[in-house]
Amino acid sequence: CHLVLGELGSAVQYFNKCMESTASVCLDRRTTIEAAEGLQQAKRVADFTSCASILLEKRTPDGASDALVPIANALLISSCSDKLLQMKAEALFMIRRYKEVIELCDNTLQTAERNIVSEGIGGTTNVDRLGSTHHALIVWRWNMISKSHFYLGNLEKSLNILEKLQQVEYNYNENQEECRESPAFLVATISELLRYKNAGNEAVREGKYMEAVEQYTAALSRNVDSRPFAAICFCNRAAANQALVQIADAIADCSLAMALDENYTKAVSRRATLHEMIRDYGQAASDLQRLISILVKQSDKTKTPETSADRASSRKELKQSRQRLSLMEEKSKEGIPLDFFLIMGVKTTDTAADIKKSYRKAALRHHPDKAAQILVRSESEGPWLKEILEEVHKGADRLFKMIGEAYSVLSDPTKRSDYELEEEIRKARASRESYRSRKAAEASSPPYQTSASRRYWRDSGRTYRNTPSWW
């Protein structure tokens, strides 16, 4: 029993007693062999544990991944060792397998509690030691679960567990020192992040988009360690910037959200919409291809039974994305120039000085070398952070070049004049084509459908600027 629980000192002590008793007490050969094998297994567990400890001390993803092998071998012998289970949870946490950490902690808590109760009933363990052991096995599990939920973006769940952990710690030790890892500190941090995010959402609902941008920025400036949460804040800030017609800022925020959470469909869909707004149809098509790929993968991976409404919603979203992709691919063949005024965030009536001022601001904000500064504050994450920074730099470089192209045209009087003339011709042509299509539709429709048709064409003429979507 001691060996299964990972209590190697006690296990070795009893195995040795058994071996020593062979000379004075007549023990059958089987018992002696079992005792000898027990000593060998205890040594193997000790060796595996020592090896895993050395690997975990490196505090690197590779070290943690390698440590899982000796830990698994040790658990084959000491399957209920709380020390080994904690080491496994820490290793899984280091390599960002947070869902497995939560599952491990949840599944082993009741077994661990039963084991210490059995120890108290069957042995002479004092009550104080039992209380200390019970406290320890709860604390490390709840701590790992709360941190895993935080990094998964489930801040409300993390906060709920931390508040319970805080109460347990207070009851056990009222004089605990408050540090970065203490429940009290983490509760305050998460509460602050949620407060900023909720304030931003409320500002959006009230149409106070500038205030919303400030609230989301405040949340991001406090902490970006929870990637999914940070991705939501970036995407929500992109929506607010879109409403403020700051399209370059919105595209940059979507790119940051996508780098932090590669499967964040709302960020991908929004960036496709933003690229469509500035008439970058090729990039919009690329975003939609990525969106469709994510939706298909999510549909294939879904294990939980979906309701008919969920299935219908998924099919509808996928169908709409494919329709949008087809349209963007057709548009990209037309060779329509980018909307440089929208990219620069200026009006057609703005002067050369206004455009120069806007360019300086945009160029400074969206320079590729500065695009990921807000993420570098995060603690070292090894290769994962490097991949994120590379993705952000790639998107920022493209946006920066687009801003430069817009400025080169709008800052040159001759180029700007030619561009504006081309825009007028294009709009006039589009207006004529729209008029012909509307007339053709009305002519082919029965009289009672004419008014509905007019309403449709009038509604379809609204721009994305006036109808942003929120979540």
Protein backbone atom coordinates (compact mmCIF):
# COMPACT_ATOMS: atom_id res chain seq x y z
CA CYS A 1 0.00 0.00 0.00
CA HIS A 2 2.79 2.44 0.88
CA LEU A 3 4.44 1.72 -2.49
CA VAL A 4 1.21 2.36 -4.42
CA LEU A 5 0.77 5.64 -2.53
CA GLY A 6 4.33 6.65 -3.37
CA GLU A 7 5.41 6.62 0.28
CA LEU A 8 8.77 5.10 -0.54
CA GLY A 9 10.36 5.56 2.88
CA SER A 10 7.64 3.59 4.65
CA ALA A 11 7.49 1.00 1.87
CA VAL A 12 11.25 0.33 2.02
CA GLN A 13 11.11 0.16 5.82
CA TYR A 14 8.45 -2.57 5.81
CA PHE A 15 10.07 -4.51 2.97
CA ASN A 16 13.37 -4.52 4.87
CA LYS A 17 11.65 -5.69 8.05
CA CYS A 18 10.14 -8.53 6.09
CA MET A 19 13.54 -9.51 4.70
CA GLU A 20 15.16 -9.30 8.15
CA SER A 21 12.45 -11.50 9.64
CA THR A 22 13.36 -14.32 7.29
CA ALA A 23 16.14 -15.49 9.60
CA SER A 24 14.06 -15.53 12.80
CA VAL A 25 10.60 -16.27 11.47
CA CYS A 26 9.67 -18.99 9.05
CA LEU A 27 8.32 -17.08 6.06
CA ASP A 28 7.34 -18.77 2.84
CA ARG A 29 9.52 -18.22 -0.21
CA ARG A 30 6.79 -16.27 -2.02
CA THR A 31 6.65 -13.60 0.69
CA THR A 32 10.42 -13.21 0.62
CA ILE A 33 10.42 -12.84 -3.17
CA GLU A 34 7.63 -10.24 -3.02
CA ALA A 35 9.58 -8.23 -0.45
CA ALA A 36 12.71 -8.31 -2.61
CA GLU A 37 10.74 -7.26 -5.69
CA GLY A 38 9.11 -4.50 -3.65
CA LEU A 39 12.51 -3.08 -2.75
CA GLN A 40 13.52 -3.12 -6.43
CA GLN A 41 10.30 -1.38 -7.48
CA ALA A 42 10.73 1.26 -4.77
CA LYS A 43 14.22 1.97 -6.12
CA ARG A 44 12.86 2.25 -9.67
CA VAL A 45 10.20 4.74 -8.55
CA ALA A 46 12.84 6.77 -6.73
CA ASP A 47 15.06 6.80 -9.83
CA PHE A 48 12.18 7.79 -12.14
CA THR A 49 11.11 10.53 -9.74
CA SER A 50 14.63 11.91 -9.47
CA CYS A 51 15.01 11.95 -13.26
CA ALA A 52 11.67 13.73 -13.72
CA SER A 53 12.54 16.29 -11.04
CA ILE A 54 15.78 17.20 -12.80
CA LEU A 55 13.94 17.66 -16.11
CA LEU A 56 11.20 19.78 -14.54
CA GLU A 57 13.77 22.02 -12.88
CA LYS A 58 14.78 23.23 -16.35
CA ARG A 59 11.40 25.02 -16.56
CA THR A 60 11.32 24.54 -20.33
CA PRO A 61 8.66 22.96 -22.59
CA ASP A 62 11.16 20.36 -23.84
CA GLY A 63 12.19 19.47 -20.30
CA ALA A 64 8.56 19.15 -19.21
CA SER A 65 7.70 17.00 -22.21
CA ASP A 66 10.66 14.69 -21.51
CA ALA A 67 9.70 14.48 -17.83
CA LEU A 68 6.34 12.92 -18.67
CA VAL A 69 8.07 9.66 -19.65
CA PRO A 70 9.72 8.82 -16.28
CA ILE A 71 6.64 10.13 -14.47
CA ALA A 72 4.43 7.71 -16.43
CA ASN A 73 6.83 4.84 -15.65
CA ALA A 74 6.79 5.69 -11.96
CA LEU A 75 2.99 5.89 -11.91
CA LEU A 76 2.79 2.34 -13.28
CA ILE A 77 4.13 1.27 -9.88
CA SER A 78 2.98 4.05 -7.53
CA SER A 79 -0.33 4.81 -9.22
CA CYS A 80 -1.73 6.82 -6.29
CA SER A 81 1.36 8.87 -5.51
CA ASP A 82 0.19 12.42 -4.95
CA LYS A 83 3.72 13.72 -5.53
CA LEU A 84 3.93 12.05 -8.94
CA LEU A 85 0.44 13.25 -9.89
CA GLN A 86 1.43 16.80 -8.98
CA MET A 87 4.61 16.50 -11.05
CA LYS A 88 2.56 15.24 -13.99
CA ALA A 89 0.14 18.16 -13.67
CA GLU A 90 3.04 20.63 -13.60
CA ALA A 91 4.61 19.04 -16.68
CA LEU A 92 1.33 19.16 -18.60
CA PHE A 93 0.86 22.77 -17.54
CA MET A 94 4.31 23.76 -18.83
CA ILE A 95 3.49 22.38 -22.28
CA ARG A 96 0.11 24.14 -22.29
CA ARG A 97 -2.08 21.03 -22.14
CA TYR A 98 -4.43 22.83 -19.79
CA LYS A 99 -7.54 20.70 -20.37
CA GLU A 100 -5.58 17.59 -19.40
CA VAL A 101 -4.38 19.35 -16.24
CA ILE A 102 -7.97 20.09 -15.22
CA GLU A 103 -9.07 16.54 -16.00
CA LEU A 104 -6.17 15.03 -14.03
CA CYS A 105 -6.82 17.17 -10.96
CA ASP A 106 -10.58 16.58 -11.01
CA ASN A 107 -10.28 12.82 -11.49
CA THR A 108 -7.71 12.23 -8.73
CA LEU A 109 -9.01 14.46 -5.94
CA GLN A 110 -11.63 12.08 -4.54
CA THR A 111 -9.23 9.12 -4.68
CA ALA A 112 -6.58 11.10 -2.83
CA GLU A 113 -9.10 12.11 -0.16
CA ARG A 114 -10.18 8.49 0.33
CA ASN A 115 -6.56 7.41 0.68
CA ILE A 116 -5.75 9.85 3.49
CA VAL A 117 -8.98 8.95 5.30
CA SER A 118 -8.07 5.25 5.05
CA GLU A 119 -4.61 6.07 6.37
CA GLY A 120 -6.12 7.78 9.41
CA ILE A 121 -8.49 4.89 10.12
CA GLY A 122 -6.00 2.09 9.63
CA GLY A 123 -2.94 3.65 11.25
CA THR A 124 -1.88 5.87 14.10
CA THR A 125 -1.54 9.09 12.10
CA ASN A 126 -2.42 12.11 14.23
CA VAL A 127 -5.27 14.43 13.32
CA ASP A 128 -3.02 17.45 12.68
CA ARG A 129 -1.03 15.56 10.06
CA LEU A 130 -4.22 14.39 8.36
CA GLY A 131 -5.47 17.96 8.24
CA SER A 132 -2.20 19.18 6.77
CA THR A 133 -2.17 16.44 4.13
CA HIS A 134 -5.79 17.07 3.15
CA HIS A 135 -5.10 20.80 2.86
CA ALA A 136 -2.05 20.18 0.66
CA LEU A 137 -3.77 17.85 -1.80
CA ILE A 138 -6.69 20.26 -2.24
CA VAL A 139 -4.54 23.37 -2.59
CA TRP A 140 -2.22 22.21 -5.36
CA ARG A 141 -5.11 20.78 -7.39
CA TRP A 142 -7.31 23.85 -7.09
CA ASN A 143 -4.31 26.05 -7.83
CA MET A 144 -3.51 24.12 -11.02
CA ILE A 145 -7.17 24.06 -12.08
CA SER A 146 -7.60 27.80 -11.57
CA LYS A 147 -4.41 28.63 -13.48
CA SER A 148 -5.39 26.29 -16.32
CA HIS A 149 -8.82 27.91 -16.64
CA PHE A 150 -7.10 31.31 -16.68
CA TYR A 151 -4.82 30.34 -19.56
CA LEU A 152 -7.78 28.78 -21.40
CA GLY A 153 -9.54 32.14 -21.18
CA ASN A 154 -12.15 30.95 -18.68
CA LEU A 155 -11.54 33.81 -16.26
CA GLU A 156 -14.89 33.52 -14.49
CA LYS A 157 -14.25 29.83 -13.67
CA SER A 158 -10.71 30.63 -12.58
CA LEU A 159 -11.96 33.40 -10.31
CA ASN A 160 -14.60 31.16 -8.73
CA ILE A 161 -12.02 28.49 -7.84
CA LEU A 162 -9.52 31.07 -6.59
CA GLU A 163 -12.09 32.57 -4.24
CA LYS A 164 -12.71 29.12 -2.73
CA LEU A 165 -8.97 28.52 -2.53
CA GLN A 166 -8.50 31.90 -0.88
CA GLN A 167 -10.99 30.94 1.82
CA VAL A 168 -9.29 27.57 2.39
CA GLU A 169 -5.90 29.26 2.69
CA TYR A 170 -7.30 31.88 5.07
CA ASN A 171 -8.85 29.26 7.32
CA TYR A 172 -5.66 27.20 7.34
CA ASN A 173 -3.17 30.04 7.70
CA GLU A 174 -4.49 33.51 8.47
CA ASN A 175 -1.01 35.03 8.23
CA GLN A 176 -0.21 33.93 4.66
CA GLU A 177 2.12 36.27 2.81
CA GLU A 178 0.58 37.90 -0.26
CA CYS A 179 2.66 37.39 -3.40
CA ARG A 180 2.10 37.09 -7.14
CA GLU A 181 1.06 33.45 -6.77
CA SER A 182 -1.20 33.97 -3.74
CA PRO A 183 -4.96 33.52 -4.27
CA ALA A 184 -5.62 37.08 -3.05
CA PHE A 185 -3.30 38.60 -5.66
CA LEU A 186 -4.68 36.47 -8.50
CA VAL A 187 -8.28 37.20 -7.47
CA ALA A 188 -7.56 40.94 -7.62
CA THR A 189 -5.83 40.61 -11.02
CA ILE A 190 -8.60 38.59 -12.67
CA SER A 191 -11.34 40.77 -11.16
CA GLU A 192 -9.64 43.83 -12.63
CA LEU A 193 -9.35 42.25 -16.09
CA LEU A 194 -13.01 41.26 -16.11
CA ARG A 195 -14.03 44.71 -14.91
CA TYR A 196 -12.23 46.41 -17.81
CA LYS A 197 -13.62 43.97 -20.38
CA ASN A 198 -17.19 44.28 -19.10
CA ALA A 199 -16.87 48.08 -19.05
CA GLY A 200 -15.75 47.95 -22.67
CA ASN A 201 -18.71 45.78 -23.63
CA GLU A 202 -21.10 48.15 -21.86
CA ALA A 203 -19.56 51.15 -23.65
CA VAL A 204 -20.12 49.39 -26.98
CA ARG A 205 -23.77 48.77 -26.17
CA GLU A 206 -24.15 52.48 -25.40
CA GLY A 207 -22.40 53.50 -28.61
CA LYS A 208 -19.42 54.99 -26.74
CA TYR A 209 -16.82 53.44 -29.00
CA MET A 210 -13.86 55.58 -27.98
CA GLU A 211 -14.48 54.72 -24.33
CA ALA A 212 -14.73 51.05 -25.31
CA VAL A 213 -11.32 51.23 -27.00
CA GLU A 214 -9.85 52.73 -23.82
CA GLN A 215 -11.35 50.01 -21.59
CA TYR A 216 -10.15 47.13 -23.77
CA THR A 217 -6.71 48.77 -24.00
CA ALA A 218 -6.58 49.03 -20.21
CA ALA A 219 -7.31 45.30 -19.88
CA LEU A 220 -4.62 44.43 -22.42
CA SER A 221 -2.07 46.69 -20.75
CA ARG A 222 -2.58 44.84 -17.44
CA ASN A 223 -2.15 41.28 -18.64
CA VAL A 224 -1.94 39.31 -21.90
CA ASP A 225 -0.89 35.96 -20.41
CA SER A 226 -4.37 34.51 -20.95
CA ARG A 227 -4.21 34.28 -24.73
CA PRO A 228 -7.89 33.56 -25.44
CA PHE A 229 -8.99 36.41 -23.16
CA ALA A 230 -6.51 38.81 -24.76
CA ALA A 231 -7.69 37.69 -28.21
CA ILE A 232 -11.29 38.56 -27.27
CA CYS A 233 -10.21 42.00 -26.05
CA PHE A 234 -8.28 42.64 -29.27
CA CYS A 235 -11.23 41.50 -31.40
CA ASN A 236 -13.71 43.60 -29.43
CA ARG A 237 -11.39 46.60 -29.72
CA ALA A 238 -11.24 45.96 -33.46
CA ALA A 239 -15.04 46.16 -33.58
CA ALA A 240 -14.97 49.48 -31.71
CA ASN A 241 -12.27 50.81 -34.04
CA GLN A 242 -14.34 49.70 -37.01
CA ALA A 243 -17.27 51.75 -35.72
CA LEU A 244 -14.90 54.72 -35.39
CA VAL A 245 -13.83 54.12 -39.02
CA GLN A 246 -10.27 53.44 -37.90
CA ILE A 247 -9.89 50.51 -40.28
CA ALA A 248 -6.10 50.11 -40.10
CA ASP A 249 -6.30 49.92 -36.29
CA ALA A 250 -9.12 47.38 -36.55
CA ILE A 251 -7.18 45.19 -38.99
CA ALA A 252 -4.12 45.28 -36.70
CA ASP A 253 -6.23 44.24 -33.70
CA CYS A 254 -7.78 41.35 -35.63
CA SER A 255 -4.31 40.19 -36.68
CA LEU A 256 -3.19 40.21 -33.03
CA ALA A 257 -6.29 38.26 -32.01
CA MET A 258 -5.69 35.68 -34.74
CA ALA A 259 -2.04 35.30 -33.73
CA LEU A 260 -3.03 34.65 -30.12
CA ASP A 261 -5.87 32.28 -31.01
CA GLU A 262 -5.49 30.78 -34.47
CA ASN A 263 -8.97 29.22 -34.33
CA TYR A 264 -10.81 32.40 -33.32
CA THR A 265 -13.45 32.47 -36.06
CA LYS A 266 -14.91 35.86 -35.12
CA ALA A 267 -11.54 37.56 -35.50
CA VAL A 268 -10.92 35.89 -38.86
CA SER A 269 -14.40 36.78 -40.12
CA ARG A 270 -14.07 40.37 -38.96
CA ARG A 271 -10.70 40.83 -40.64
CA ALA A 272 -12.17 39.46 -43.87
CA THR A 273 -14.92 42.09 -43.60
CA LEU A 274 -12.38 44.84 -42.95
CA HIS A 275 -10.30 43.82 -45.96
CA GLU A 276 -13.47 43.82 -48.04
CA MET A 277 -14.23 47.35 -46.84
CA ILE A 278 -10.90 48.68 -48.12
CA ARG A 279 -11.40 46.63 -51.32
CA ASP A 280 -8.48 44.29 -50.62
CA TYR A 281 -10.51 41.43 -52.04
CA GLY A 282 -7.58 39.05 -52.44
CA GLN A 283 -6.72 39.22 -48.74
CA ALA A 284 -10.40 39.02 -47.83
CA ALA A 285 -10.60 35.79 -49.85
CA SER A 286 -7.51 34.46 -48.04
CA ASP A 287 -9.12 35.21 -44.67
CA LEU A 288 -12.34 33.50 -45.72
CA GLN A 289 -10.44 30.40 -46.86
CA ARG A 290 -8.88 30.27 -43.39
CA LEU A 291 -12.30 30.75 -41.79
CA ILE A 292 -13.83 27.91 -43.80
CA SER A 293 -10.93 25.62 -42.90
CA ILE A 294 -11.44 26.34 -39.18
CA LEU A 295 -15.21 25.81 -39.38
CA VAL A 296 -14.77 22.47 -41.17
CA LYS A 297 -12.21 21.28 -38.60
CA GLN A 298 -14.42 22.34 -35.71
CA SER A 299 -17.34 20.47 -37.24
CA ASP A 300 -15.25 17.32 -37.66
CA LYS A 301 -13.85 17.49 -34.11
CA THR A 302 -17.18 18.06 -32.38
CA LYS A 303 -17.69 15.17 -29.96
CA THR A 304 -20.56 16.52 -27.89
CA PRO A 305 -24.01 15.96 -29.39
CA GLU A 306 -25.24 19.14 -31.07
CA THR A 307 -28.82 20.32 -31.00
CA SER A 308 -30.62 20.77 -34.30
CA ALA A 309 -30.33 24.54 -33.82
CA ASP A 310 -26.55 24.29 -33.34
CA ARG A 311 -26.17 22.13 -36.45
CA ALA A 312 -28.31 24.50 -38.48
CA SER A 313 -26.30 27.48 -37.25
CA SER A 314 -22.98 25.79 -38.12
CA ARG A 315 -24.19 24.85 -41.59
CA LYS A 316 -25.51 28.36 -42.17
CA GLU A 317 -22.22 29.98 -41.12
CA LEU A 318 -20.23 27.65 -43.35
CA LYS A 319 -22.57 28.25 -46.30
CA GLN A 320 -22.39 32.03 -45.87
CA SER A 321 -18.59 31.91 -45.65
CA ARG A 322 -18.37 29.96 -48.89
CA GLN A 323 -20.71 32.40 -50.60
CA ARG A 324 -18.60 35.32 -49.37
CA LEU A 325 -15.44 33.59 -50.60
CA SER A 326 -16.93 33.11 -54.07
CA LEU A 327 -17.88 36.79 -54.20
CA MET A 328 -14.44 37.97 -53.02
CA GLU A 329 -12.69 35.77 -55.57
CA GLU A 330 -14.80 37.32 -58.32
CA LYS A 331 -14.15 40.82 -57.01
CA SER A 332 -10.40 40.24 -56.83
CA LYS A 333 -10.36 39.61 -60.59
CA GLU A 334 -11.82 43.04 -61.37
CA GLY A 335 -8.64 44.92 -60.49
CA ILE A 336 -10.41 47.53 -58.36
CA PRO A 337 -7.89 49.76 -56.52
CA LEU A 338 -7.74 49.86 -52.73
CA ASP A 339 -9.73 52.49 -50.84
CA PHE A 340 -6.75 54.61 -49.83
CA PHE A 341 -8.86 57.19 -47.99
CA LEU A 342 -10.36 54.49 -45.77
CA ILE A 343 -6.96 52.91 -45.15
CA MET A 344 -5.53 56.26 -44.05
CA GLY A 345 -8.60 57.13 -41.98
CA VAL A 346 -9.07 60.44 -43.82
CA LYS A 347 -11.88 62.07 -45.79
CA THR A 348 -11.80 63.01 -49.47
CA THR A 349 -11.97 66.66 -48.41
CA ASP A 350 -8.91 66.48 -46.16
CA THR A 351 -5.87 68.56 -47.09
CA ALA A 352 -2.34 67.38 -47.78
CA ALA A 353 -1.39 68.46 -44.25
CA ASP A 354 -4.20 66.36 -42.77
CA ILE A 355 -3.07 63.34 -44.77
CA LYS A 356 0.56 63.79 -43.72
CA LYS A 357 -0.45 64.01 -40.07
CA SER A 358 -2.59 60.88 -40.37
CA TYR A 359 0.25 59.01 -42.08
CA ARG A 360 2.77 59.84 -39.38
CA LYS A 361 0.38 58.59 -36.73
CA ALA A 362 -0.45 55.38 -38.63
CA ALA A 363 3.16 54.65 -39.60
CA LEU A 364 4.31 55.00 -36.01
CA ARG A 365 1.50 52.87 -34.61
CA HIS A 366 1.69 50.09 -37.18
CA HIS A 367 5.43 49.76 -37.73
CA PRO A 368 6.22 46.01 -37.86
CA ASP A 369 8.92 46.31 -35.20
CA LYS A 370 6.42 47.78 -32.72
CA ALA A 371 3.33 45.77 -33.57
CA ALA A 372 3.90 43.06 -30.96
CA GLN A 373 5.31 45.19 -28.14
CA ILE A 374 2.21 44.67 -26.03
CA LEU A 375 2.81 40.90 -26.10
CA VAL A 376 6.51 40.89 -25.22
CA ARG A 377 5.67 41.77 -21.60
CA SER A 378 4.40 38.23 -21.20
CA GLU A 379 6.68 35.84 -19.35
CA SER A 380 8.96 33.62 -21.41
CA GLU A 381 6.96 31.05 -23.35
CA GLY A 382 9.73 29.55 -25.46
CA PRO A 383 8.88 28.69 -29.07
CA TRP A 384 5.20 29.56 -28.66
CA LEU A 385 5.88 33.26 -28.13
CA LYS A 386 8.32 33.27 -31.05
CA GLU A 387 5.64 31.85 -33.37
CA ILE A 388 3.15 34.48 -32.23
CA LEU A 389 5.60 37.33 -32.75
CA GLU A 390 6.44 36.08 -36.24
CA GLU A 391 2.74 35.92 -37.15
CA VAL A 392 2.11 39.42 -35.81
CA HIS A 393 5.14 40.83 -37.64
CA LYS A 394 3.96 39.28 -40.90
CA GLY A 395 0.52 40.90 -40.66
CA ALA A 396 1.94 44.24 -39.51
CA ASP A 397 4.43 44.32 -42.38
CA ARG A 398 1.64 43.90 -44.91
CA LEU A 399 -0.50 46.59 -43.27
CA PHE A 400 2.46 48.98 -43.02
CA LYS A 401 3.20 48.62 -46.73
CA MET A 402 -0.47 49.21 -47.52
CA ILE A 403 -0.44 52.43 -45.48
CA GLY A 404 2.74 53.51 -47.27
CA GLU A 405 1.13 52.85 -50.66
CA ALA A 406 -1.93 54.88 -49.69
CA TYR A 407 0.22 57.79 -48.56
CA SER A 408 2.36 57.73 -51.69
CA VAL A 409 -0.77 58.24 -53.79
CA LEU A 410 -2.70 60.70 -51.61
CA SER A 411 0.33 62.87 -50.80
CA ASP A 412 1.18 63.40 -54.47
CA PRO A 413 -1.19 65.97 -56.07
CA THR A 414 -1.01 64.39 -59.53
CA LYS A 415 -1.45 60.81 -58.31
CA ARG A 416 -4.26 61.85 -56.00
CA SER A 417 -6.06 63.68 -58.81
CA ASP A 418 -5.80 60.64 -61.08
CA TYR A 419 -6.94 58.35 -58.27
CA GLU A 420 -9.97 60.51 -57.42
CA LEU A 421 -10.94 60.70 -61.11
CA GLU A 422 -10.72 56.94 -61.39
CA GLU A 423 -12.85 56.62 -58.26
CA GLU A 424 -15.54 58.89 -59.72
CA ILE A 425 -15.60 56.89 -62.97
CA ARG A 426 -15.79 53.61 -61.06
CA LYS A 427 -18.63 54.83 -58.83
CA ALA A 428 -20.58 56.16 -61.82
CA ARG A 429 -20.18 52.84 -63.61
CA ALA A 430 -21.23 50.92 -60.50
CA SER A 431 -24.26 53.18 -60.09
CA ARG A 432 -25.37 52.55 -63.69
CA GLU A 433 -24.94 48.81 -63.31
CA SER A 434 -26.89 48.86 -60.06
CA TYR A 435 -29.67 50.84 -61.73
CA ARG A 436 -29.89 48.38 -64.64
CA SER A 437 -29.94 45.41 -62.28
CA ARG A 438 -32.67 46.99 -60.18
CA LYS A 439 -34.81 47.73 -63.23
CA ALA A 440 -34.31 44.23 -64.57
CA ALA A 441 -35.32 42.75 -61.23
CA GLU A 442 -38.41 44.93 -61.01
CA ALA A 443 -39.40 44.06 -64.58
CA SER A 444 -39.18 40.34 -63.89
CA SER A 445 -41.09 40.56 -60.60
CA PRO A 446 -44.90 40.54 -60.25
CA PRO A 447 -46.40 43.94 -59.31
CA TYR A 448 -47.01 42.95 -55.69
CA GLN A 449 -43.27 42.23 -55.23
CA THR A 450 -42.07 45.62 -56.52
CA SER A 451 -42.23 47.46 -53.19
CA ALA A 452 -40.41 44.64 -51.41
CA SER A 453 -37.76 44.66 -54.14
CA ARG A 454 -37.23 48.39 -53.68
CA ARG A 455 -36.79 47.91 -49.97
CA TYR A 456 -34.22 45.19 -50.60
CA TRP A 457 -32.11 47.31 -52.91
CA ARG A 458 -32.33 50.26 -50.57
CA ASP A 459 -31.24 48.13 -47.61
CA SER A 460 -28.44 46.45 -49.55
CA GLY A 461 -26.92 49.83 -50.28
CA ARG A 462 -25.96 50.39 -46.67
CA THR A 463 -22.24 50.31 -46.01
CA TYR A 464 -20.40 48.20 -43.43
CA ARG A 465 -19.58 51.39 -41.56
CA ASN A 466 -23.17 51.82 -40.55
CA THR A 467 -23.84 48.22 -39.62
CA PRO A 468 -20.99 46.76 -37.56
CA SER A 469 -21.72 43.52 -35.73
CA TRP A 470 -20.93 43.14 -32.03
CA TRP A 471 -20.48 40.34 -29.56
